[in-house]
Amino acid sequence: MPKGYWIVRADVSDTERYKAYVAANAKPLAEYGARFLVRAGPFQREEGSSRARNVVIEFPSYQAALDCYHSADYQEAIGLRLPVATADLIIIEGYDGPQPS
């Protein structure tokens, strides 16, 4: 079964208040088996648009990624993020098929 991923791009306007969102999202992320693959490291935008902060979170399955986002705990955490950050977040299923050779 393919894994699921959150791909997030965000601009944070108040880093101190954003810390409350980070603390609140820890519980649902742990509950649904999330693992950070990318967490706001240096990046180079080569094409298109970007935001200041980029995050990729891996889940054991696409369904787990969806369920985490829609969980009551994560929805509560979103309320802490909305006033202090603008974000683009997609949930996507991973690919388990053949790779180029």
C-alpha atoms as a PDB file:
ATOM      1  CA  MET A   1       0.000   0.000   0.000  1.00  0.00           C
ATOM      2  CA  PRO A   2       1.453   3.401  -0.950  1.00  0.00           C
ATOM      3  CA  LYS A   3       2.275   5.857   1.782  1.00  0.00           C
ATOM      4  CA  GLY A   4       0.553   9.202   2.124  1.00  0.00           C
ATOM      5  CA  TYR A   5       2.183  12.615   2.293  1.00  0.00           C
ATOM      6  CA  TRP A   6       1.381  16.138   3.331  1.00  0.00           C
ATOM      7  CA  ILE A   7       3.222  18.692   1.263  1.00  0.00           C
ATOM      8  CA  VAL A   8       3.048  22.064   2.964  1.00  0.00           C
ATOM      9  CA  ARG A   9       4.328  25.504   1.987  1.00  0.00           C
ATOM     10  CA  ALA A  10       3.835  28.280   4.526  1.00  0.00           C
ATOM     11  CA  ASP A  11       4.633  31.883   5.325  1.00  0.00           C
ATOM     12  CA  VAL A  12       4.646  32.524   9.072  1.00  0.00           C
ATOM     13  CA  SER A  13       3.916  36.064  10.231  1.00  0.00           C
ATOM     14  CA  ASP A  14       4.329  35.482  13.987  1.00  0.00           C
ATOM     15  CA  THR A  15       6.890  32.820  14.862  1.00  0.00           C
ATOM     16  CA  GLU A  16       6.208  33.007  18.605  1.00  0.00           C
ATOM     17  CA  ARG A  17       2.487  32.332  18.224  1.00  0.00           C
ATOM     18  CA  TYR A  18       3.213  29.702  15.536  1.00  0.00           C
ATOM     19  CA  LYS A  19       4.955  27.634  18.219  1.00  0.00           C
ATOM     20  CA  ALA A  20       1.527  26.970  19.790  1.00  0.00           C
ATOM     21  CA  TYR A  21       0.395  25.391  16.493  1.00  0.00           C
ATOM     22  CA  VAL A  22       3.536  23.248  16.333  1.00  0.00           C
ATOM     23  CA  ALA A  23       2.946  22.047  19.914  1.00  0.00           C
ATOM     24  CA  ALA A  24      -0.726  21.306  19.220  1.00  0.00           C
ATOM     25  CA  ASN A  25      -0.118  19.350  16.028  1.00  0.00           C
ATOM     26  CA  ALA A  26       2.386  16.999  17.688  1.00  0.00           C
ATOM     27  CA  LYS A  27      -0.341  14.808  19.196  1.00  0.00           C
ATOM     28  CA  PRO A  28      -2.327  14.067  16.017  1.00  0.00           C
ATOM     29  CA  LEU A  29       0.831  13.680  13.941  1.00  0.00           C
ATOM     30  CA  ALA A  30       2.173  11.069  16.383  1.00  0.00           C
ATOM     31  CA  GLU A  31      -1.208   9.346  16.623  1.00  0.00           C
ATOM     32  CA  TYR A  32      -1.369   8.845  12.845  1.00  0.00           C
ATOM     33  CA  GLY A  33       2.253   7.721  12.449  1.00  0.00           C
ATOM     34  CA  ALA A  34       3.628  10.861  10.799  1.00  0.00           C
ATOM     35  CA  ARG A  35       7.316  11.296  10.081  1.00  0.00           C
ATOM     36  CA  PHE A  36       8.927  14.545   8.926  1.00  0.00           C
ATOM     37  CA  LEU A  37      11.001  14.137   5.764  1.00  0.00           C
ATOM     38  CA  VAL A  38      11.490  17.871   5.178  1.00  0.00           C
ATOM     39  CA  ARG A  39      11.073  20.485   7.880  1.00  0.00           C
ATOM     40  CA  ALA A  40      11.839  24.049   6.806  1.00  0.00           C
ATOM     41  CA  GLY A  41      15.419  23.532   5.674  1.00  0.00           C
ATOM     42  CA  PRO A  42      17.279  25.625   3.122  1.00  0.00           C
ATOM     43  CA  PHE A  43      15.821  25.473  -0.385  1.00  0.00           C
ATOM     44  CA  GLN A  44      16.353  26.890  -3.848  1.00  0.00           C
ATOM     45  CA  ARG A  45      13.301  27.852  -5.889  1.00  0.00           C
ATOM     46  CA  GLU A  46      14.096  27.011  -9.477  1.00  0.00           C
ATOM     47  CA  GLU A  47      10.643  27.501 -11.024  1.00  0.00           C
ATOM     48  CA  GLY A  48       7.228  28.839 -10.083  1.00  0.00           C
ATOM     49  CA  SER A  49       6.265  30.336  -6.757  1.00  0.00           C
ATOM     50  CA  SER A  50       7.336  29.454  -3.238  1.00  0.00           C
ATOM     51  CA  ARG A  51       6.744  30.265   0.397  1.00  0.00           C
ATOM     52  CA  ALA A  52       9.340  30.732   3.149  1.00  0.00           C
ATOM     53  CA  ARG A  53       8.753  27.403   4.930  1.00  0.00           C
ATOM     54  CA  ASN A  54       8.438  23.977   3.248  1.00  0.00           C
ATOM     55  CA  VAL A  55       7.467  20.727   4.949  1.00  0.00           C
ATOM     56  CA  VAL A  56       6.952  17.150   3.735  1.00  0.00           C
ATOM     57  CA  ILE A  57       5.374  14.721   6.201  1.00  0.00           C
ATOM     58  CA  GLU A  58       5.127  10.988   5.492  1.00  0.00           C
ATOM     59  CA  PHE A  59       2.283   8.818   6.798  1.00  0.00           C
ATOM     60  CA  PRO A  60       1.990   5.022   6.734  1.00  0.00           C
ATOM     61  CA  SER A  61      -0.855   5.314   4.189  1.00  0.00           C
ATOM     62  CA  TYR A  62      -2.822   7.856   2.185  1.00  0.00           C
ATOM     63  CA  GLN A  63      -5.836   7.154   4.412  1.00  0.00           C
ATOM     64  CA  ALA A  64      -3.797   7.887   7.560  1.00  0.00           C
ATOM     65  CA  ALA A  65      -2.739  11.219   6.040  1.00  0.00           C
ATOM     66  CA  LEU A  66      -6.373  12.109   5.324  1.00  0.00           C
ATOM     67  CA  ASP A  67      -7.587  10.918   8.719  1.00  0.00           C
ATOM     68  CA  CYS A  68      -4.948  12.949  10.554  1.00  0.00           C
ATOM     69  CA  TYR A  69      -5.885  16.139   8.729  1.00  0.00           C
ATOM     70  CA  HIS A  70      -9.592  15.641   9.448  1.00  0.00           C
ATOM     71  CA  SER A  71      -9.089  14.584  13.090  1.00  0.00           C
ATOM     72  CA  ALA A  72     -10.574  16.781  15.802  1.00  0.00           C
ATOM     73  CA  ASP A  73      -7.120  17.369  17.316  1.00  0.00           C
ATOM     74  CA  TYR A  74      -5.603  18.591  14.056  1.00  0.00           C
ATOM     75  CA  GLN A  75      -8.614  20.743  13.244  1.00  0.00           C
ATOM     76  CA  GLU A  76      -8.121  22.394  16.640  1.00  0.00           C
ATOM     77  CA  ALA A  77      -4.435  22.973  15.816  1.00  0.00           C
ATOM     78  CA  ILE A  78      -5.397  24.633  12.525  1.00  0.00           C
ATOM     79  CA  GLY A  79      -7.257  27.262  14.538  1.00  0.00           C
ATOM     80  CA  LEU A  80      -3.927  28.219  16.114  1.00  0.00           C
ATOM     81  CA  ARG A  81      -2.176  28.420  12.736  1.00  0.00           C
ATOM     82  CA  LEU A  82      -4.705  30.442  10.747  1.00  0.00           C
ATOM     83  CA  PRO A  83      -4.129  33.815  12.449  1.00  0.00           C
ATOM     84  CA  VAL A  84      -0.331  33.610  12.185  1.00  0.00           C
ATOM     85  CA  ALA A  85       0.474  31.790   8.939  1.00  0.00           C
ATOM     86  CA  THR A  86      -0.664  31.420   5.356  1.00  0.00           C
ATOM     87  CA  ALA A  87      -0.240  27.876   4.080  1.00  0.00           C
ATOM     88  CA  ASP A  88      -0.788  25.671   1.054  1.00  0.00           C
ATOM     89  CA  LEU A  89      -1.269  22.034   2.092  1.00  0.00           C
ATOM     90  CA  ILE A  90      -1.929  19.097  -0.182  1.00  0.00           C
ATOM     91  CA  ILE A  91      -2.396  15.472   0.766  1.00  0.00           C
ATOM     92  CA  ILE A  92      -1.080  13.080  -1.837  1.00  0.00           C
ATOM     93  CA  GLU A  93      -0.708   9.342  -2.259  1.00  0.00           C
ATOM     94  CA  GLY A  94       2.823   8.034  -2.747  1.00  0.00           C
ATOM     95  CA  TYR A  95       3.925   6.067  -5.804  1.00  0.00           C
ATOM     96  CA  ASP A  96       4.971   2.417  -5.595  1.00  0.00           C
ATOM     97  CA  GLY A  97       5.303   1.685  -9.330  1.00  0.00           C
ATOM     98  CA  PRO A  98       8.271   1.121 -11.615  1.00  0.00           C
ATOM     99  CA  GLN A  99      11.082   3.656 -11.656  1.00  0.00           C
ATOM    100  CA  PRO A 100      13.018   4.920 -14.678  1.00  0.00           C
ATOM    101  CA  SER A 101      16.033   2.814 -15.523  1.00  0.00           C
END
